[in-house]
Amino acid sequence: MQGVHNLAAGVLMAVASLLLWSPVALASGEGGGAATGAGALQTALDAAKESMARGDFTQAAQQYHQLYQQGYQGADICYNTGTAYLKSGRIGPGVLFLKRALLQDPGNDDTRFNLSFAMDAIAHTAATARDAANAEDGGLTVQAVVEAVSLDAWTWLFLAGAWSLALSLVLLLVLRGRKRLITGLAAVLLLVFAGFGGSMLHLKAQDTVYTEHAVVQSLVEVKEGPHQRFDTVFPVAEGVTVRVEERIDDWLRVSLPNGLGGFVPRSSVEVI
């Protein structure tokens, strides 16, 4: 009987020991995993920095981009990825990641400088396309007019036309004869003016809700329709910012700030 009691006591002691030491073992294991993860991240960062230091910008861009894909998507990683892409000659991905960095850290002067450099690099290509389009169209496009005036200005123009129209309608009720005729003609003109202002205000408001994407391929052919068989309208260089208006299967209908538009493959652009 005493042997049974001794055996039971031994089992209880063994269970108690496991319960006491298990949290320590688990904590030690978790801490080791976290330390291993942090060590692996630092190793990857050091490797990317070393690639940048020796001038292998293509390799550095791939290394930083891999870290981004693994979930390290902070402003610093975006900045380093974008800068490495720019130095490797990939303007499209460079602009994409620098804009992502700027969204997280709007006050970073280095990000703004590098992004300005990238935009200057593609400005000539964009200007050439815009001039060619304006020459072909024979003048300014509606989109160009919308872009030239701020949202606040279009709002005030619309309100001015609407209030003037309302005043002219009141005057029509009290005036007689020739003055009433003149006021009626003025009301018609003000109605047209208010309608124009409202339309421009609507278009300008639409500009603020469409998703901005950056072209990430070296040269993308913008098509007339959502398929390769359609004719090419114009080419667009990497790094150019486009506005996505519609998605059709694997194609996106996009527009440029100068009013040009067409369809591009989804793989050729990435959301900012």
Protein backbone atom coordinates (compact mmCIF):
# COMPACT_ATOMS: atom_id res chain seq x y z
CA MET A 1 0.00 0.00 0.00
CA GLN A 2 2.86 2.31 0.87
CA GLY A 3 4.37 1.51 -2.56
CA VAL A 4 1.15 2.61 -4.27
CA HIS A 5 1.17 5.90 -2.37
CA ASN A 6 4.83 6.46 -3.30
CA LEU A 7 4.03 5.75 -6.97
CA ALA A 8 1.09 8.17 -6.96
CA ALA A 9 3.21 10.84 -5.29
CA GLY A 10 5.89 10.35 -7.92
CA VAL A 11 3.37 10.76 -10.77
CA LEU A 12 1.97 13.93 -9.21
CA MET A 13 5.44 15.39 -8.82
CA ALA A 14 6.25 14.63 -12.46
CA VAL A 15 3.01 16.27 -13.68
CA ALA A 16 3.64 19.30 -11.48
CA SER A 17 7.15 19.63 -12.87
CA LEU A 18 5.83 19.55 -16.45
CA LEU A 19 3.21 22.17 -15.68
CA LEU A 20 5.77 24.45 -14.05
CA TRP A 21 8.38 24.15 -16.78
CA SER A 22 6.11 24.11 -19.84
CA PRO A 23 5.45 27.92 -19.89
CA VAL A 24 9.17 28.55 -19.62
CA ALA A 25 9.90 26.25 -22.53
CA LEU A 26 7.15 27.78 -24.65
CA ALA A 27 8.27 31.29 -23.84
CA SER A 28 11.83 30.35 -24.66
CA GLY A 29 10.73 28.86 -27.97
CA GLU A 30 8.65 31.89 -28.91
CA GLY A 31 11.42 34.27 -28.00
CA GLY A 32 13.86 32.26 -30.06
CA GLY A 33 11.50 32.41 -33.06
CA ALA A 34 11.08 36.16 -32.75
CA ALA A 35 14.83 36.60 -32.43
CA THR A 36 15.34 34.40 -35.49
CA GLY A 37 12.80 36.45 -37.47
CA ALA A 38 14.40 39.74 -36.47
CA GLY A 39 17.81 38.34 -37.33
CA ALA A 40 16.62 37.18 -40.75
CA LEU A 41 15.13 40.63 -41.45
CA GLN A 42 18.34 42.38 -40.46
CA THR A 43 20.35 39.97 -42.62
CA ALA A 44 18.10 40.72 -45.61
CA LEU A 45 18.38 44.47 -45.02
CA ASP A 46 22.16 44.26 -44.75
CA ALA A 47 22.30 42.29 -48.00
CA ALA A 48 20.19 44.90 -49.79
CA LYS A 49 22.32 47.74 -48.40
CA GLU A 50 25.46 45.93 -49.53
CA SER A 51 24.02 45.59 -53.05
CA MET A 52 23.30 49.33 -53.09
CA ALA A 53 26.80 50.12 -51.83
CA ARG A 54 28.52 48.15 -54.60
CA GLY A 55 26.24 49.64 -57.26
CA ASP A 56 24.18 46.55 -58.01
CA PHE A 57 20.91 48.46 -57.97
CA THR A 58 18.93 45.79 -59.84
CA GLN A 59 19.78 43.24 -57.16
CA ALA A 60 19.05 45.73 -54.38
CA ALA A 61 15.65 46.55 -55.88
CA GLN A 62 14.76 42.87 -56.02
CA GLN A 63 15.87 42.36 -52.42
CA TYR A 64 13.90 45.32 -51.07
CA HIS A 65 10.88 44.35 -53.18
CA GLN A 66 11.01 40.84 -51.74
CA LEU A 67 10.91 42.30 -48.23
CA TYR A 68 7.87 44.35 -49.24
CA GLN A 69 6.14 41.23 -50.52
CA GLN A 70 6.89 39.51 -47.22
CA GLY A 71 4.86 42.14 -45.39
CA TYR A 72 7.49 44.74 -44.46
CA GLN A 73 5.67 47.64 -46.11
CA GLY A 74 6.69 50.64 -44.04
CA ALA A 75 7.76 53.99 -45.44
CA ASP A 76 11.47 53.13 -45.21
CA ILE A 77 11.13 49.90 -47.18
CA CYS A 78 9.00 51.65 -49.82
CA TYR A 79 11.53 54.48 -50.06
CA ASN A 80 14.52 52.14 -50.42
CA THR A 81 12.68 49.98 -52.95
CA GLY A 82 11.70 52.98 -55.05
CA THR A 83 15.16 54.52 -54.91
CA ALA A 84 16.82 51.25 -55.90
CA TYR A 85 14.45 50.88 -58.84
CA LEU A 86 15.20 54.44 -59.98
CA LYS A 87 18.94 53.86 -59.82
CA SER A 88 18.52 50.64 -61.81
CA GLY A 89 16.67 52.53 -64.55
CA ARG A 90 13.19 51.21 -63.71
CA ILE A 91 11.29 54.49 -63.43
CA GLY A 92 7.82 52.94 -63.26
CA PRO A 93 8.30 50.81 -60.13
CA GLY A 94 10.45 53.60 -58.71
CA VAL A 95 7.60 56.11 -58.92
CA LEU A 96 5.15 53.53 -57.58
CA PHE A 97 7.11 52.79 -54.40
CA LEU A 98 8.16 56.38 -53.79
CA LYS A 99 4.51 57.44 -53.91
CA ARG A 100 3.64 54.64 -51.51
CA ALA A 101 6.36 55.91 -49.18
CA LEU A 102 5.05 59.46 -49.48
CA LEU A 103 1.54 58.36 -48.52
CA GLN A 104 2.92 57.05 -45.23
CA ASP A 105 5.42 59.86 -44.60
CA PRO A 106 4.27 62.99 -46.48
CA GLY A 107 6.93 65.21 -44.92
CA ASN A 108 9.98 63.21 -46.02
CA ASP A 109 12.16 65.53 -48.10
CA ASP A 110 14.31 62.71 -49.52
CA THR A 111 11.25 60.93 -50.85
CA ARG A 112 9.92 64.13 -52.40
CA PHE A 113 13.28 64.89 -54.03
CA ASN A 114 13.65 61.43 -55.56
CA LEU A 115 10.04 61.46 -56.73
CA SER A 116 10.56 64.88 -58.31
CA PHE A 117 13.64 63.56 -60.08
CA ALA A 118 11.66 60.61 -61.42
CA MET A 119 8.81 62.79 -62.62
CA ASP A 120 11.25 65.10 -64.41
CA ALA A 121 12.68 62.07 -66.17
CA ILE A 122 9.33 61.22 -67.73
CA ALA A 123 8.06 64.78 -68.20
CA HIS A 124 9.49 65.07 -71.69
CA THR A 125 7.77 61.89 -72.86
CA ALA A 126 4.45 62.98 -71.37
CA ALA A 127 4.77 66.47 -72.89
CA THR A 128 5.48 65.01 -76.32
CA ALA A 129 2.38 62.80 -76.14
CA ARG A 130 0.26 65.73 -74.95
CA ASP A 131 1.45 68.05 -77.72
CA ALA A 132 0.85 65.39 -80.35
CA ALA A 133 -2.68 64.78 -79.04
CA ASN A 134 -3.53 68.49 -78.92
CA ALA A 135 -2.22 68.97 -82.46
CA GLU A 136 -4.31 66.03 -83.67
CA ASP A 137 -7.44 67.22 -81.88
CA GLY A 138 -6.93 70.77 -83.07
CA GLY A 139 -7.26 72.33 -79.62
CA LEU A 140 -7.77 71.79 -75.92
CA THR A 141 -9.84 68.87 -74.68
CA VAL A 142 -12.64 69.09 -72.14
CA GLN A 143 -10.46 67.24 -69.65
CA ALA A 144 -7.70 69.80 -70.12
CA VAL A 145 -10.17 72.59 -69.30
CA VAL A 146 -11.35 70.71 -66.21
CA GLU A 147 -7.79 70.16 -65.01
CA ALA A 148 -6.86 73.82 -65.55
CA VAL A 149 -9.37 75.12 -62.97
CA SER A 150 -9.52 74.11 -59.32
CA LEU A 151 -12.51 72.42 -57.71
CA ASP A 152 -13.18 75.50 -55.57
CA ALA A 153 -13.18 77.77 -58.64
CA TRP A 154 -15.69 75.56 -60.47
CA THR A 155 -17.84 75.51 -57.34
CA TRP A 156 -17.92 79.33 -57.13
CA LEU A 157 -18.66 79.65 -60.85
CA PHE A 158 -21.58 77.27 -60.52
CA LEU A 159 -22.94 79.05 -57.42
CA ALA A 160 -22.58 82.46 -59.07
CA GLY A 161 -24.52 81.28 -62.10
CA ALA A 162 -27.21 79.62 -59.99
CA TRP A 163 -27.76 82.65 -57.72
CA SER A 164 -27.79 85.05 -60.66
CA LEU A 165 -30.34 82.85 -62.39
CA ALA A 166 -32.51 82.83 -59.27
CA LEU A 167 -32.33 86.64 -59.05
CA SER A 168 -33.26 87.04 -62.71
CA LEU A 169 -36.31 84.80 -62.22
CA VAL A 170 -37.46 86.99 -59.34
CA LEU A 171 -37.02 90.08 -61.49
CA LEU A 172 -39.14 88.48 -64.21
CA LEU A 173 -42.05 88.47 -61.78
CA VAL A 174 -41.85 92.19 -61.01
CA LEU A 175 -40.62 93.79 -64.23
CA ARG A 176 -42.75 94.69 -67.23
CA GLY A 177 -42.20 95.55 -70.85
CA ARG A 178 -38.75 95.80 -72.40
CA LYS A 179 -36.94 95.27 -69.09
CA ARG A 180 -38.73 91.98 -68.61
CA LEU A 181 -37.67 90.83 -72.09
CA ILE A 182 -34.03 91.70 -71.40
CA THR A 183 -34.19 89.97 -68.05
CA GLY A 184 -35.66 86.87 -69.70
CA LEU A 185 -32.80 86.72 -72.20
CA ALA A 186 -30.32 87.16 -69.36
CA ALA A 187 -32.00 84.32 -67.47
CA VAL A 188 -31.55 82.01 -70.45
CA LEU A 189 -27.86 82.88 -70.66
CA LEU A 190 -27.44 82.39 -66.92
CA LEU A 191 -29.16 79.03 -67.17
CA VAL A 192 -26.63 77.95 -69.78
CA PHE A 193 -23.79 79.33 -67.66
CA ALA A 194 -25.00 77.54 -64.53
CA GLY A 195 -25.42 74.30 -66.48
CA PHE A 196 -21.90 74.56 -67.85
CA GLY A 197 -20.50 75.30 -64.40
CA GLY A 198 -22.40 72.38 -62.92
CA SER A 199 -21.13 70.01 -65.60
CA MET A 200 -17.53 71.10 -65.08
CA LEU A 201 -17.97 70.79 -61.31
CA HIS A 202 -19.27 67.25 -61.77
CA LEU A 203 -16.30 66.28 -63.95
CA LYS A 204 -13.85 67.85 -61.53
CA ALA A 205 -15.43 66.02 -58.60
CA GLN A 206 -15.12 62.75 -60.51
CA ASP A 207 -11.40 63.39 -60.86
CA THR A 208 -11.01 63.16 -57.10
CA VAL A 209 -12.47 59.68 -56.69
CA TYR A 210 -10.83 57.66 -59.44
CA THR A 211 -7.95 55.39 -58.45
CA GLU A 212 -4.47 56.52 -59.41
CA HIS A 213 -2.07 53.93 -60.81
CA ALA A 214 1.53 54.14 -61.98
CA VAL A 215 2.81 52.53 -65.18
CA VAL A 216 5.42 49.95 -64.17
CA GLN A 217 6.51 48.63 -67.58
CA SER A 218 9.07 50.36 -69.78
CA LEU A 219 6.66 51.23 -72.61
CA VAL A 220 2.96 50.37 -72.70
CA GLU A 221 0.79 50.55 -75.80
CA VAL A 222 -2.58 52.09 -75.03
CA LYS A 223 -5.22 50.34 -77.13
CA GLU A 224 -8.55 51.53 -78.53
CA GLY A 225 -10.31 48.55 -76.92
CA PRO A 226 -9.75 45.88 -74.26
CA HIS A 227 -7.78 43.43 -76.42
CA GLN A 228 -4.44 43.19 -78.21
CA ARG A 229 -6.18 43.07 -81.58
CA PHE A 230 -7.30 46.70 -81.25
CA ASP A 231 -5.18 49.45 -82.75
CA THR A 232 -2.66 51.30 -80.61
CA VAL A 233 -3.74 54.84 -79.77
CA PHE A 234 -0.42 55.98 -78.32
CA PRO A 235 2.40 54.62 -76.15
CA VAL A 236 2.88 55.65 -72.54
CA ALA A 237 6.20 55.54 -70.69
CA GLU A 238 6.79 53.91 -67.31
CA GLY A 239 6.32 56.12 -64.29
CA VAL A 240 3.42 58.03 -65.80
CA THR A 241 0.45 58.31 -63.45
CA VAL A 242 -2.88 57.26 -64.97
CA ARG A 243 -6.42 57.24 -63.66
CA VAL A 244 -8.30 53.95 -63.84
CA GLU A 245 -11.93 54.45 -64.83
CA GLU A 246 -13.14 50.95 -65.63
CA ARG A 247 -12.05 47.33 -65.47
CA ILE A 248 -12.91 44.86 -68.24
CA ASP A 249 -11.49 41.37 -67.62
CA ASP A 250 -7.70 41.74 -67.67
CA TRP A 251 -7.81 45.25 -69.13
CA LEU A 252 -8.23 48.68 -67.57
CA ARG A 253 -9.67 51.78 -69.18
CA VAL A 254 -7.36 54.61 -68.16
CA SER A 255 -7.00 58.31 -68.81
CA LEU A 256 -4.07 60.68 -68.58
CA PRO A 257 -4.16 64.21 -67.12
CA ASN A 258 -4.11 65.64 -70.65
CA GLY A 259 -7.36 63.92 -71.58
CA LEU A 260 -5.91 61.06 -73.62
CA GLY A 261 -7.30 57.65 -72.80
CA GLY A 262 -7.57 54.03 -73.79
CA PHE A 263 -7.06 50.49 -72.53
CA VAL A 264 -3.97 48.91 -70.98
CA PRO A 265 -3.31 45.44 -69.53
CA ARG A 266 -3.81 45.18 -65.77
CA SER A 267 -0.26 43.88 -65.36
CA SER A 268 1.21 47.07 -66.81
CA VAL A 269 0.11 49.30 -63.91
CA GLU A 270 -0.05 49.11 -60.13
CA VAL A 271 -2.17 51.06 -57.69
CA ILE A 272 -0.35 53.75 -55.74
